[in-house]
Amino acid sequence: MIDRGFATIWAAITTDRALLVAWFGLQAESITNAEFRGGASYITTRLSELLSSLIDRLLVRGRVLHIDRDALEILVVADVQGLILKYLDSADTPQLQVAIKTPQDFLATVSSPPPTAQTPR
């Protein structure tokens, strides 16, 4: 589920390269120009919500987080932003695909499957 969910999110956010370039330009400009902060924040918040929904689905299925939920969301959003920047810089390379697997593996290691119920004997 982790791999499929992350792959779905990645495919959704990389469908429009021009939009990604505009987002990164807006993000960079918003650091020094407060007029752009609202727009940049809106897009980043939507990305956070997508990733948060992936974590929610893991929890609904009974997985248990081993790190703070807020910290996990920040780490995954920052990782995805870095991967997007690399995607924009170098396109979709085999090395990028290997790097994309890293947050998937990370999500799997910071959570565990639900404990199995003990059946009475």
PDB file of N, CA and C in Angstrom:
ATOM      1  N   MET A   1       0.822  -1.198   0.000  1.00  0.00           N
ATOM      2  CA  MET A   1       0.000   0.000   0.000  1.00  0.00           C
ATOM      3  C   MET A   1       0.868   1.265   0.000  1.00  0.00           C
ATOM      4  N   ILE A   2       1.961   1.229   0.765  1.00  0.00           N
ATOM      5  CA  ILE A   2       2.843   2.394   0.837  1.00  0.00           C
ATOM      6  C   ILE A   2       3.403   2.709  -0.545  1.00  0.00           C
ATOM      7  N   ASP A   3       3.916   1.677  -1.220  1.00  0.00           N
ATOM      8  CA  ASP A   3       4.495   1.897  -2.548  1.00  0.00           C
ATOM      9  C   ASP A   3       3.457   2.431  -3.530  1.00  0.00           C
ATOM     10  N   ARG A   4       2.286   1.824  -3.543  1.00  0.00           N
ATOM     11  CA  ARG A   4       1.235   2.240  -4.480  1.00  0.00           C
ATOM     12  C   ARG A   4       0.756   3.658  -4.172  1.00  0.00           C
ATOM     13  N   GLY A   5       0.551   3.963  -2.878  1.00  0.00           N
ATOM     14  CA  GLY A   5       0.095   5.298  -2.496  1.00  0.00           C
ATOM     15  C   GLY A   5       1.098   6.370  -2.866  1.00  0.00           C
ATOM     16  N   PHE A   6       2.363   6.117  -2.588  1.00  0.00           N
ATOM     17  CA  PHE A   6       3.395   7.091  -2.918  1.00  0.00           C
ATOM     18  C   PHE A   6       3.537   7.235  -4.426  1.00  0.00           C
ATOM     19  N   ALA A   7       3.476   6.116  -5.147  1.00  0.00           N
ATOM     20  CA  ALA A   7       3.577   6.166  -6.607  1.00  0.00           C
ATOM     21  C   ALA A   7       2.425   6.965  -7.211  1.00  0.00           C
ATOM     22  N   THR A   8       1.240   6.823  -6.647  1.00  0.00           N
ATOM     23  CA  THR A   8       0.067   7.564  -7.128  1.00  0.00           C
ATOM     24  C   THR A   8       0.263   9.063  -6.918  1.00  0.00           C
ATOM     25  N   ILE A   9       0.743   9.431  -5.739  1.00  0.00           N
ATOM     26  CA  ILE A   9       0.989  10.844  -5.441  1.00  0.00           C
ATOM     27  C   ILE A   9       2.076  11.385  -6.371  1.00  0.00           C
ATOM     28  N   TRP A  10       3.157  10.636  -6.547  1.00  0.00           N
ATOM     29  CA  TRP A  10       4.247  11.080  -7.411  1.00  0.00           C
ATOM     30  C   TRP A  10       3.745  11.295  -8.840  1.00  0.00           C
ATOM     31  N   ALA A  11       2.970  10.349  -9.346  1.00  0.00           N
ATOM     32  CA  ALA A  11       2.441  10.472 -10.709  1.00  0.00           C
ATOM     33  C   ALA A  11       1.545  11.703 -10.833  1.00  0.00           C
ATOM     34  N   ALA A  12       0.755  11.965  -9.808  1.00  0.00           N
ATOM     35  CA  ALA A  12      -0.157  13.117  -9.851  1.00  0.00           C
ATOM     36  C   ALA A  12       0.602  14.437  -9.868  1.00  0.00           C
ATOM     37  N   ILE A  13       1.667  14.534  -9.071  1.00  0.00           N
ATOM     38  CA  ILE A  13       2.352  15.821  -8.978  1.00  0.00           C
ATOM     39  C   ILE A  13       3.361  16.052 -10.104  1.00  0.00           C
ATOM     40  N   THR A  14       3.702  15.007 -10.845  1.00  0.00           N
ATOM     41  CA  THR A  14       4.673  15.195 -11.926  1.00  0.00           C
ATOM     42  C   THR A  14       4.026  15.184 -13.311  1.00  0.00           C
ATOM     43  N   THR A  15       2.710  15.277 -13.384  1.00  0.00           N
ATOM     44  CA  THR A  15       2.044  15.267 -14.689  1.00  0.00           C
ATOM     45  C   THR A  15       2.212  16.579 -15.443  1.00  0.00           C
ATOM     46  N   ASP A  16       2.440  17.661 -14.741  1.00  0.00           N
ATOM     47  CA  ASP A  16       2.539  18.964 -15.403  1.00  0.00           C
ATOM     48  C   ASP A  16       3.849  19.639 -15.006  1.00  0.00           C
ATOM     49  N   ARG A  17       4.874  19.418 -15.818  1.00  0.00           N
ATOM     50  CA  ARG A  17       6.213  19.953 -15.539  1.00  0.00           C
ATOM     51  C   ARG A  17       6.207  21.480 -15.432  1.00  0.00           C
ATOM     52  N   ALA A  18       5.476  22.153 -16.320  1.00  0.00           N
ATOM     53  CA  ALA A  18       5.427  23.619 -16.292  1.00  0.00           C
ATOM     54  C   ALA A  18       4.830  24.121 -14.980  1.00  0.00           C
ATOM     55  N   LEU A  19       3.819  23.433 -14.485  1.00  0.00           N
ATOM     56  CA  LEU A  19       3.220  23.815 -13.208  1.00  0.00           C
ATOM     57  C   LEU A  19       4.218  23.644 -12.064  1.00  0.00           C
ATOM     58  N   LEU A  20       4.990  22.563 -12.101  1.00  0.00           N
ATOM     59  CA  LEU A  20       6.007  22.356 -11.069  1.00  0.00           C
ATOM     60  C   LEU A  20       7.070  23.455 -11.098  1.00  0.00           C
ATOM     61  N   VAL A  21       7.491  23.842 -12.300  1.00  0.00           N
ATOM     62  CA  VAL A  21       8.479  24.921 -12.429  1.00  0.00           C
ATOM     63  C   VAL A  21       7.903  26.213 -11.863  1.00  0.00           C
ATOM     64  N   ALA A  22       6.647  26.493 -12.187  1.00  0.00           N
ATOM     65  CA  ALA A  22       5.994  27.703 -11.658  1.00  0.00           C
ATOM     66  C   ALA A  22       5.904  27.643 -10.148  1.00  0.00           C
ATOM     67  N   TRP A  23       5.579  26.466  -9.601  1.00  0.00           N
ATOM     68  CA  TRP A  23       5.481  26.322  -8.143  1.00  0.00           C
ATOM     69  C   TRP A  23       6.822  26.596  -7.472  1.00  0.00           C
ATOM     70  N   PHE A  24       7.899  26.028  -8.023  1.00  0.00           N
ATOM     71  CA  PHE A  24       9.211  26.268  -7.412  1.00  0.00           C
ATOM     72  C   PHE A  24       9.626  27.729  -7.539  1.00  0.00           C
ATOM     73  N   GLY A  25       9.285  28.368  -8.665  1.00  0.00           N
ATOM     74  CA  GLY A  25       9.560  29.794  -8.805  1.00  0.00           C
ATOM     75  C   GLY A  25       8.785  30.603  -7.779  1.00  0.00           C
ATOM     76  N   LEU A  26       7.523  30.272  -7.606  1.00  0.00           N
ATOM     77  CA  LEU A  26       6.679  30.945  -6.618  1.00  0.00           C
ATOM     78  C   LEU A  26       7.210  30.713  -5.211  1.00  0.00           C
ATOM     79  N   GLN A  27       7.596  29.484  -4.943  1.00  0.00           N
ATOM     80  CA  GLN A  27       8.146  29.135  -3.625  1.00  0.00           C
ATOM     81  C   GLN A  27       9.407  29.951  -3.332  1.00  0.00           C
ATOM     82  N   ALA A  28      10.301  30.024  -4.300  1.00  0.00           N
ATOM     83  CA  ALA A  28      11.551  30.770  -4.118  1.00  0.00           C
ATOM     84  C   ALA A  28      11.268  32.256  -3.935  1.00  0.00           C
ATOM     85  N   GLU A  29      10.388  32.805  -4.750  1.00  0.00           N
ATOM     86  CA  GLU A  29      10.071  34.238  -4.667  1.00  0.00           C
ATOM     87  C   GLU A  29       9.382  34.586  -3.358  1.00  0.00           C
ATOM     88  N   SER A  30       8.598  33.649  -2.818  1.00  0.00           N
ATOM     89  CA  SER A  30       7.853  33.931  -1.583  1.00  0.00           C
ATOM     90  C   SER A  30       8.755  34.095  -0.364  1.00  0.00           C
ATOM     91  N   ILE A  31       9.979  33.637  -0.469  1.00  0.00           N
ATOM     92  CA  ILE A  31      10.918  33.772   0.650  1.00  0.00           C
ATOM     93  C   ILE A  31      11.246  35.241   0.901  1.00  0.00           C
ATOM     94  N   THR A  32      11.352  36.012  -0.174  1.00  0.00           N
ATOM     95  CA  THR A  32      11.709  37.424  -0.024  1.00  0.00           C
ATOM     96  C   THR A  32      10.570  38.381  -0.335  1.00  0.00           C
ATOM     97  N   ASN A  33       9.477  37.869  -0.873  1.00  0.00           N
ATOM     98  CA  ASN A  33       8.362  38.729  -1.246  1.00  0.00           C
ATOM     99  C   ASN A  33       7.078  38.183  -0.624  1.00  0.00           C
ATOM    100  N   ALA A  34       6.612  38.860   0.405  1.00  0.00           N
ATOM    101  CA  ALA A  34       5.442  38.403   1.163  1.00  0.00           C
ATOM    102  C   ALA A  34       4.184  38.286   0.296  1.00  0.00           C
ATOM    103  N   GLU A  35       4.120  39.020  -0.795  1.00  0.00           N
ATOM    104  CA  GLU A  35       2.934  38.955  -1.657  1.00  0.00           C
ATOM    105  C   GLU A  35       2.730  37.571  -2.270  1.00  0.00           C
ATOM    106  N   PHE A  36       3.778  36.784  -2.360  1.00  0.00           N
ATOM    107  CA  PHE A  36       3.688  35.457  -2.966  1.00  0.00           C
ATOM    108  C   PHE A  36       3.503  34.343  -1.937  1.00  0.00           C
ATOM    109  N   ARG A  37       3.587  34.661  -0.661  1.00  0.00           N
ATOM    110  CA  ARG A  37       3.531  33.621   0.374  1.00  0.00           C
ATOM    111  C   ARG A  37       2.214  32.871   0.396  1.00  0.00           C
ATOM    112  N   GLY A  38       1.110  33.566   0.178  1.00  0.00           N
ATOM    113  CA  GLY A  38      -0.190  32.900   0.203  1.00  0.00           C
ATOM    114  C   GLY A  38      -0.305  31.822  -0.863  1.00  0.00           C
ATOM    115  N   GLY A  39       0.081  32.163  -2.084  1.00  0.00           N
ATOM    116  CA  GLY A  39       0.010  31.191  -3.178  1.00  0.00           C
ATOM    117  C   GLY A  39       0.954  30.018  -2.965  1.00  0.00           C
ATOM    118  N   ALA A  40       2.171  30.319  -2.558  1.00  0.00           N
ATOM    119  CA  ALA A  40       3.147  29.250  -2.316  1.00  0.00           C
ATOM    120  C   ALA A  40       2.690  28.359  -1.177  1.00  0.00           C
ATOM    121  N   SER A  41       2.168  28.972  -0.139  1.00  0.00           N
ATOM    122  CA  SER A  41       1.693  28.213   1.016  1.00  0.00           C
ATOM    123  C   SER A  41       0.517  27.322   0.648  1.00  0.00           C
ATOM    124  N   TYR A  42      -0.368  27.824  -0.202  1.00  0.00           N
ATOM    125  CA  TYR A  42      -1.535  27.047  -0.616  1.00  0.00           C
ATOM    126  C   TYR A  42      -1.099  25.748  -1.295  1.00  0.00           C
ATOM    127  N   ILE A  43      -0.156  25.846  -2.216  1.00  0.00           N
ATOM    128  CA  ILE A  43       0.296  24.665  -2.949  1.00  0.00           C
ATOM    129  C   ILE A  43       1.009  23.694  -2.014  1.00  0.00           C
ATOM    130  N   THR A  44       1.873  24.205  -1.158  1.00  0.00           N
ATOM    131  CA  THR A  44       2.603  23.353  -0.224  1.00  0.00           C
ATOM    132  C   THR A  44       1.635  22.674   0.735  1.00  0.00           C
ATOM    133  N   THR A  45       0.610  23.394   1.162  1.00  0.00           N
ATOM    134  CA  THR A  45      -0.391  22.806   2.051  1.00  0.00           C
ATOM    135  C   THR A  45      -1.131  21.670   1.357  1.00  0.00           C
ATOM    136  N   ARG A  46      -1.461  21.833   0.083  1.00  0.00           N
ATOM    137  CA  ARG A  46      -2.142  20.753  -0.654  1.00  0.00           C
ATOM    138  C   ARG A  46      -1.240  19.521  -0.744  1.00  0.00           C
ATOM    139  N   LEU A  47       0.061  19.716  -0.984  1.00  0.00           N
ATOM    140  CA  LEU A  47       0.999  18.601  -1.022  1.00  0.00           C
ATOM    141  C   LEU A  47       1.036  17.917   0.340  1.00  0.00           C
ATOM    142  N   SER A  48       1.100  18.706   1.389  1.00  0.00           N
ATOM    143  CA  SER A  48       1.103  18.143   2.747  1.00  0.00           C
ATOM    144  C   SER A  48      -0.157  17.330   3.001  1.00  0.00           C
ATOM    145  N   GLU A  49      -1.285  17.831   2.538  1.00  0.00           N
ATOM    146  CA  GLU A  49      -2.549  17.120   2.738  1.00  0.00           C
ATOM    147  C   GLU A  49      -2.576  15.795   1.976  1.00  0.00           C
ATOM    148  N   LEU A  50      -2.015  15.779   0.767  1.00  0.00           N
ATOM    149  CA  LEU A  50      -1.931  14.520   0.019  1.00  0.00           C
ATOM    150  C   LEU A  50      -1.116  13.485   0.781  1.00  0.00           C
ATOM    151  N   LEU A  51       0.041  13.916   1.265  1.00  0.00           N
ATOM    152  CA  LEU A  51       0.901  12.995   1.995  1.00  0.00           C
ATOM    153  C   LEU A  51       0.293  12.606   3.341  1.00  0.00           C
ATOM    154  N   SER A  52      -0.385  13.546   3.962  1.00  0.00           N
ATOM    155  CA  SER A  52      -1.059  13.255   5.231  1.00  0.00           C
ATOM    156  C   SER A  52      -2.154  12.210   5.020  1.00  0.00           C
ATOM    157  N   SER A  53      -2.850  12.289   3.893  1.00  0.00           N
ATOM    158  CA  SER A  53      -3.906  11.304   3.628  1.00  0.00           C
ATOM    159  C   SER A  53      -3.307   9.908   3.439  1.00  0.00           C
ATOM    160  N   LEU A  54      -2.099   9.835   2.878  1.00  0.00           N
ATOM    161  CA  LEU A  54      -1.419   8.546   2.757  1.00  0.00           C
ATOM    162  C   LEU A  54      -1.119   7.987   4.149  1.00  0.00           C
ATOM    163  N   ILE A  55      -0.623   8.829   5.033  1.00  0.00           N
ATOM    164  CA  ILE A  55      -0.349   8.390   6.406  1.00  0.00           C
ATOM    165  C   ILE A  55      -1.648   7.979   7.098  1.00  0.00           C
ATOM    166  N   ASP A  56      -2.714   8.761   6.894  1.00  0.00           N
ATOM    167  CA  ASP A  56      -4.021   8.413   7.475  1.00  0.00           C
ATOM    168  C   ASP A  56      -4.460   7.019   7.041  1.00  0.00           C
ATOM    169  N   ARG A  57      -4.290   6.714   5.765  1.00  0.00           N
ATOM    170  CA  ARG A  57      -4.699   5.395   5.264  1.00  0.00           C
ATOM    171  C   ARG A  57      -3.894   4.280   5.917  1.00  0.00           C
ATOM    172  N   LEU A  58      -2.608   4.539   6.170  1.00  0.00           N
ATOM    173  CA  LEU A  58      -1.792   3.541   6.863  1.00  0.00           C
ATOM    174  C   LEU A  58      -2.327   3.304   8.268  1.00  0.00           C
ATOM    175  N   LEU A  59      -2.667   4.400   8.948  1.00  0.00           N
ATOM    176  CA  LEU A  59      -3.163   4.288  10.321  1.00  0.00           C
ATOM    177  C   LEU A  59      -4.530   3.614  10.377  1.00  0.00           C
ATOM    178  N   VAL A  60      -5.381   3.917   9.412  1.00  0.00           N
ATOM    179  CA  VAL A  60      -6.711   3.284   9.369  1.00  0.00           C
ATOM    180  C   VAL A  60      -6.561   1.775   9.202  1.00  0.00           C
ATOM    181  N   ARG A  61      -5.557   1.380   8.488  1.00  0.00           N
ATOM    182  CA  ARG A  61      -5.312  -0.057   8.283  1.00  0.00           C
ATOM    183  C   ARG A  61      -4.614  -0.693   9.480  1.00  0.00           C
ATOM    184  N   GLY A  62      -4.378   0.104  10.523  1.00  0.00           N
ATOM    185  CA  GLY A  62      -3.835  -0.449  11.756  1.00  0.00           C
ATOM    186  C   GLY A  62      -2.340  -0.311  11.950  1.00  0.00           C
ATOM    187  N   ARG A  63      -1.641   0.283  10.974  1.00  0.00           N
ATOM    188  CA  ARG A  63      -0.192   0.455  11.177  1.00  0.00           C
ATOM    189  C   ARG A  63       0.048   1.399  12.347  1.00  0.00           C
ATOM    190  N   VAL A  64       1.147   1.209  13.011  1.00  0.00           N
ATOM    191  CA  VAL A  64       1.510   1.989  14.189  1.00  0.00           C
ATOM    192  C   VAL A  64       2.750   2.814  13.853  1.00  0.00           C
ATOM    193  N   LEU A  65       2.672   4.142  14.072  1.00  0.00           N
ATOM    194  CA  LEU A  65       3.820   5.008  13.819  1.00  0.00           C
ATOM    195  C   LEU A  65       4.812   4.904  14.968  1.00  0.00           C
ATOM    196  N   HIS A  66       6.106   4.973  14.624  1.00  0.00           N
ATOM    197  CA  HIS A  66       7.163   4.918  15.626  1.00  0.00           C
ATOM    198  C   HIS A  66       7.877   6.247  15.795  1.00  0.00           C
ATOM    199  N   ILE A  67       7.421   7.267  15.057  1.00  0.00           N
ATOM    200  CA  ILE A  67       7.955   8.614  15.227  1.00  0.00           C
ATOM    201  C   ILE A  67       6.778   9.583  15.273  1.00  0.00           C
ATOM    202  N   ASP A  68       7.048  10.786  15.694  1.00  0.00           N
ATOM    203  CA  ASP A  68       6.026  11.819  15.801  1.00  0.00           C
ATOM    204  C   ASP A  68       5.379  12.073  14.442  1.00  0.00           C
ATOM    205  N   ARG A  69       4.063  12.121  14.419  1.00  0.00           N
ATOM    206  CA  ARG A  69       3.308  12.282  13.166  1.00  0.00           C
ATOM    207  C   ARG A  69       3.682  13.587  12.457  1.00  0.00           C
ATOM    208  N   ASP A  70       3.742  14.706  13.189  1.00  0.00           N
ATOM    209  CA  ASP A  70       4.081  15.990  12.561  1.00  0.00           C
ATOM    210  C   ASP A  70       5.486  15.966  11.964  1.00  0.00           C
ATOM    211  N   ALA A  71       6.426  15.372  12.700  1.00  0.00           N
ATOM    212  CA  ALA A  71       7.799  15.271  12.190  1.00  0.00           C
ATOM    213  C   ALA A  71       7.837  14.409  10.934  1.00  0.00           C
ATOM    214  N   LEU A  72       7.081  13.329  10.927  1.00  0.00           N
ATOM    215  CA  LEU A  72       7.034  12.457   9.754  1.00  0.00           C
ATOM    216  C   LEU A  72       6.516  13.210   8.540  1.00  0.00           C
ATOM    217  N   GLU A  73       5.447  13.970   8.715  1.00  0.00           N
ATOM    218  CA  GLU A  73       4.887  14.716   7.591  1.00  0.00           C
ATOM    219  C   GLU A  73       5.882  15.743   7.057  1.00  0.00           C
ATOM    220  N   ILE A  74       6.574  16.442   7.937  1.00  0.00           N
ATOM    221  CA  ILE A  74       7.572  17.428   7.501  1.00  0.00           C
ATOM    222  C   ILE A  74       8.693  16.745   6.731  1.00  0.00           C
ATOM    223  N   LEU A  75       9.184  15.630   7.251  1.00  0.00           N
ATOM    224  CA  LEU A  75      10.272  14.912   6.582  1.00  0.00           C
ATOM    225  C   LEU A  75       9.855  14.421   5.198  1.00  0.00           C
ATOM    226  N   VAL A  76       8.656  13.878   5.096  1.00  0.00           N
ATOM    227  CA  VAL A  76       8.216  13.347   3.802  1.00  0.00           C
ATOM    228  C   VAL A  76       7.956  14.479   2.805  1.00  0.00           C
ATOM    229  N   VAL A  77       7.342  15.572   3.254  1.00  0.00           N
ATOM    230  CA  VAL A  77       7.103  16.708   2.349  1.00  0.00           C
ATOM    231  C   VAL A  77       8.437  17.276   1.858  1.00  0.00           C
ATOM    232  N   ALA A  78       9.392  17.446   2.768  1.00  0.00           N
ATOM    233  CA  ALA A  78      10.703  17.975   2.374  1.00  0.00           C
ATOM    234  C   ALA A  78      11.399  17.031   1.392  1.00  0.00           C
ATOM    235  N   ASP A  79      11.266  15.738   1.639  1.00  0.00           N
ATOM    236  CA  ASP A  79      11.870  14.762   0.739  1.00  0.00           C
ATOM    237  C   ASP A  79      11.221  14.830  -0.638  1.00  0.00           C
ATOM    238  N   VAL A  80       9.912  14.892  -0.679  1.00  0.00           N
ATOM    239  CA  VAL A  80       9.205  14.967  -1.967  1.00  0.00           C
ATOM    240  C   VAL A  80       9.580  16.257  -2.705  1.00  0.00           C
ATOM    241  N   GLN A  81       9.675  17.367  -1.975  1.00  0.00           N
ATOM    242  CA  GLN A  81      10.074  18.616  -2.629  1.00  0.00           C
ATOM    243  C   GLN A  81      11.467  18.482  -3.236  1.00  0.00           C
ATOM    244  N   GLY A  82      12.373  17.852  -2.523  1.00  0.00           N
ATOM    245  CA  GLY A  82      13.717  17.630  -3.054  1.00  0.00           C
ATOM    246  C   GLY A  82      13.706  16.726  -4.278  1.00  0.00           C
ATOM    247  N   LEU A  83      12.893  15.683  -4.231  1.00  0.00           N
ATOM    248  CA  LEU A  83      12.777  14.785  -5.383  1.00  0.00           C
ATOM    249  C   LEU A  83      12.183  15.503  -6.590  1.00  0.00           C
ATOM    250  N   ILE A  84      11.206  16.372  -6.338  1.00  0.00           N
ATOM    251  CA  ILE A  84      10.622  17.146  -7.440  1.00  0.00           C
ATOM    252  C   ILE A  84      11.671  18.066  -8.052  1.00  0.00           C
ATOM    253  N   LEU A  85      12.453  18.713  -7.215  1.00  0.00           N
ATOM    254  CA  LEU A  85      13.502  19.594  -7.732  1.00  0.00           C
ATOM    255  C   LEU A  85      14.498  18.802  -8.583  1.00  0.00           C
ATOM    256  N   LYS A  86      14.863  17.629  -8.125  1.00  0.00           N
ATOM    257  CA  LYS A  86      15.777  16.776  -8.902  1.00  0.00           C
ATOM    258  C   LYS A  86      15.117  16.349 -10.209  1.00  0.00           C
ATOM    259  N   TYR A  87      13.829  16.024 -10.159  1.00  0.00           N
ATOM    260  CA  TYR A  87      13.070  15.662 -11.356  1.00  0.00           C
ATOM    261  C   TYR A  87      13.082  16.808 -12.365  1.00  0.00           C
ATOM    262  N   LEU A  88      12.877  18.031 -11.886  1.00  0.00           N
ATOM    263  CA  LEU A  88      12.883  19.195 -12.774  1.00  0.00           C
ATOM    264  C   LEU A  88      14.267  19.442 -13.360  1.00  0.00           C
ATOM    265  N   ASP A  89      15.289  19.180 -12.577  1.00  0.00           N
ATOM    266  CA  ASP A  89      16.661  19.422 -13.010  1.00  0.00           C
ATOM    267  C   ASP A  89      17.176  18.354 -13.971  1.00  0.00           C
ATOM    268  N   SER A  90      16.828  17.094 -13.707  1.00  0.00           N
ATOM    269  CA  SER A  90      17.440  15.987 -14.452  1.00  0.00           C
ATOM    270  C   SER A  90      16.459  15.090 -15.183  1.00  0.00           C
ATOM    271  N   ALA A  91      15.180  15.347 -15.062  1.00  0.00           N
ATOM    272  CA  ALA A  91      14.125  14.493 -15.640  1.00  0.00           C
ATOM    273  C   ALA A  91      14.052  13.176 -14.871  1.00  0.00           C
ATOM    274  N   ASP A  92      13.292  12.265 -15.406  1.00  0.00           N
ATOM    275  CA  ASP A  92      13.052  10.990 -14.735  1.00  0.00           C
ATOM    276  C   ASP A  92      14.149  10.008 -15.125  1.00  0.00           C
ATOM    277  N   THR A  93      15.117   9.841 -14.243  1.00  0.00           N
ATOM    278  CA  THR A  93      16.252   8.963 -14.502  1.00  0.00           C
ATOM    279  C   THR A  93      16.133   7.701 -13.655  1.00  0.00           C
ATOM    280  N   PRO A  94      16.864   6.663 -14.007  1.00  0.00           N
ATOM    281  CA  PRO A  94      16.869   5.463 -13.152  1.00  0.00           C
ATOM    282  C   PRO A  94      17.345   5.780 -11.729  1.00  0.00           C
ATOM    283  N   GLN A  95      18.309   6.686 -11.614  1.00  0.00           N
ATOM    284  CA  GLN A  95      18.799   7.068 -10.283  1.00  0.00           C
ATOM    285  C   GLN A  95      17.698   7.750  -9.476  1.00  0.00           C
ATOM    286  N   LEU A  96      16.902   8.578 -10.134  1.00  0.00           N
ATOM    287  CA  LEU A  96      15.792   9.236  -9.440  1.00  0.00           C
ATOM    288  C   LEU A  96      14.774   8.203  -8.979  1.00  0.00           C
ATOM    289  N   GLN A  97      14.504   7.200  -9.814  1.00  0.00           N
ATOM    290  CA  GLN A  97      13.554   6.162  -9.419  1.00  0.00           C
ATOM    291  C   GLN A  97      14.038   5.406  -8.183  1.00  0.00           C
ATOM    292  N   VAL A  98      15.338   5.168  -8.098  1.00  0.00           N
ATOM    293  CA  VAL A  98      15.898   4.534  -6.899  1.00  0.00           C
ATOM    294  C   VAL A  98      15.713   5.456  -5.693  1.00  0.00           C
ATOM    295  N   ALA A  99      15.960   6.752  -5.892  1.00  0.00           N
ATOM    296  CA  ALA A  99      15.801   7.721  -4.801  1.00  0.00           C
ATOM    297  C   ALA A  99      14.345   7.825  -4.373  1.00  0.00           C
ATOM    298  N   ILE A 100      13.412   7.709  -5.299  1.00  0.00           N
ATOM    299  CA  ILE A 100      11.987   7.774  -4.970  1.00  0.00           C
ATOM    300  C   ILE A 100      11.596   6.609  -4.073  1.00  0.00           C
ATOM    301  N   LYS A 101      12.249   5.491  -4.237  1.00  0.00           N
ATOM    302  CA  LYS A 101      11.959   4.323  -3.393  1.00  0.00           C
ATOM    303  C   LYS A 101      12.317   4.596  -1.927  1.00  0.00           C
ATOM    304  N   THR A 102      13.246   5.513  -1.672  1.00  0.00           N
ATOM    305  CA  THR A 102      13.703   5.783  -0.313  1.00  0.00           C
ATOM    306  C   THR A 102      12.587   6.261   0.615  1.00  0.00           C
ATOM    307  N   PRO A 103      11.776   7.282   0.253  1.00  0.00           N
ATOM    308  CA  PRO A 103      10.700   7.654   1.176  1.00  0.00           C
ATOM    309  C   PRO A 103       9.659   6.553   1.356  1.00  0.00           C
ATOM    310  N   GLN A 104       9.486   5.727   0.333  1.00  0.00           N
ATOM    311  CA  GLN A 104       8.581   4.592   0.486  1.00  0.00           C
ATOM    312  C   GLN A 104       9.119   3.641   1.555  1.00  0.00           C
ATOM    313  N   ASP A 105      10.400   3.321   1.452  1.00  0.00           N
ATOM    314  CA  ASP A 105      11.022   2.451   2.444  1.00  0.00           C
ATOM    315  C   ASP A 105      11.007   3.100   3.826  1.00  0.00           C
ATOM    316  N   PHE A 106      11.232   4.410   3.850  1.00  0.00           N
ATOM    317  CA  PHE A 106      11.222   5.137   5.117  1.00  0.00           C
ATOM    318  C   PHE A 106       9.861   5.023   5.800  1.00  0.00           C
ATOM    319  N   LEU A 107       8.785   5.234   5.029  1.00  0.00           N
ATOM    320  CA  LEU A 107       7.439   5.108   5.595  1.00  0.00           C
ATOM    321  C   LEU A 107       7.204   3.706   6.142  1.00  0.00           C
ATOM    322  N   ALA A 108       7.742   2.711   5.469  1.00  0.00           N
ATOM    323  CA  ALA A 108       7.567   1.335   5.933  1.00  0.00           C
ATOM    324  C   ALA A 108       8.351   1.064   7.216  1.00  0.00           C
ATOM    325  N   THR A 109       9.504   1.742   7.393  1.00  0.00           N
ATOM    326  CA  THR A 109      10.311   1.469   8.583  1.00  0.00           C
ATOM    327  C   THR A 109       9.891   2.284   9.799  1.00  0.00           C
ATOM    328  N   VAL A 110       9.190   3.405   9.587  1.00  0.00           N
ATOM    329  CA  VAL A 110       8.766   4.214  10.738  1.00  0.00           C
ATOM    330  C   VAL A 110       7.358   3.845  11.194  1.00  0.00           C
ATOM    331  N   SER A 111       6.830   2.798  10.602  1.00  0.00           N
ATOM    332  CA  SER A 111       5.545   2.276  11.045  1.00  0.00           C
ATOM    333  C   SER A 111       5.619   0.760  10.977  1.00  0.00           C
ATOM    334  N   SER A 112       4.760   0.135  11.719  1.00  0.00           N
ATOM    335  CA  SER A 112       4.735  -1.322  11.687  1.00  0.00           C
ATOM    336  C   SER A 112       3.304  -1.795  11.498  1.00  0.00           C
ATOM    337  N   PRO A 113       3.170  -3.005  10.986  1.00  0.00           N
ATOM    338  CA  PRO A 113       1.825  -3.549  10.808  1.00  0.00           C
ATOM    339  C   PRO A 113       1.112  -3.645  12.160  1.00  0.00           C
ATOM    340  N   PRO A 114      -0.205  -3.719  12.106  1.00  0.00           N
ATOM    341  CA  PRO A 114      -0.929  -3.833  13.379  1.00  0.00           C
ATOM    342  C   PRO A 114      -0.536  -5.112  14.093  1.00  0.00           C
ATOM    343  N   PRO A 115      -0.553  -5.042  15.425  1.00  0.00           N
ATOM    344  CA  PRO A 115      -0.244  -6.282  16.155  1.00  0.00           C
ATOM    345  C   PRO A 115      -1.309  -7.340  15.831  1.00  0.00           C
ATOM    346  N   THR A 116      -0.859  -8.551  15.713  1.00  0.00           N
ATOM    347  CA  THR A 116      -1.817  -9.620  15.414  1.00  0.00           C
ATOM    348  C   THR A 116      -2.548  -9.995  16.686  1.00  0.00           C
ATOM    349  N   ALA A 117      -3.810 -10.249  16.536  1.00  0.00           N
ATOM    350  CA  ALA A 117      -4.623 -10.634  17.685  1.00  0.00           C
ATOM    351  C   ALA A 117      -4.269 -12.067  18.070  1.00  0.00           C
ATOM    352  N   GLN A 118      -4.098 -12.276  19.331  1.00  0.00           N
ATOM    353  CA  GLN A 118      -3.830 -13.611  19.850  1.00  0.00           C
ATOM    354  C   GLN A 118      -5.149 -14.359  19.932  1.00  0.00           C
ATOM    355  N   THR A 119      -5.176 -15.518  19.363  1.00  0.00           N
ATOM    356  CA  THR A 119      -6.387 -16.313  19.455  1.00  0.00           C
ATOM    357  C   THR A 119      -6.332 -17.163  20.721  1.00  0.00           C
ATOM    358  N   PRO A 120      -7.431 -17.174  21.475  1.00  0.00           N
ATOM    359  CA  PRO A 120      -7.431 -17.989  22.708  1.00  0.00           C
ATOM    360  C   PRO A 120      -7.326 -19.478  22.372  1.00  0.00           C
ATOM    361  N   ARG A 121      -6.653 -20.182  23.232  1.00  0.00           N
ATOM    362  CA  ARG A 121      -6.495 -21.636  23.025  1.00  0.00           C
ATOM    363  C   ARG A 121      -7.566 -22.396  23.716  1.00  0.00           C
TER     364      ARG A 121
END
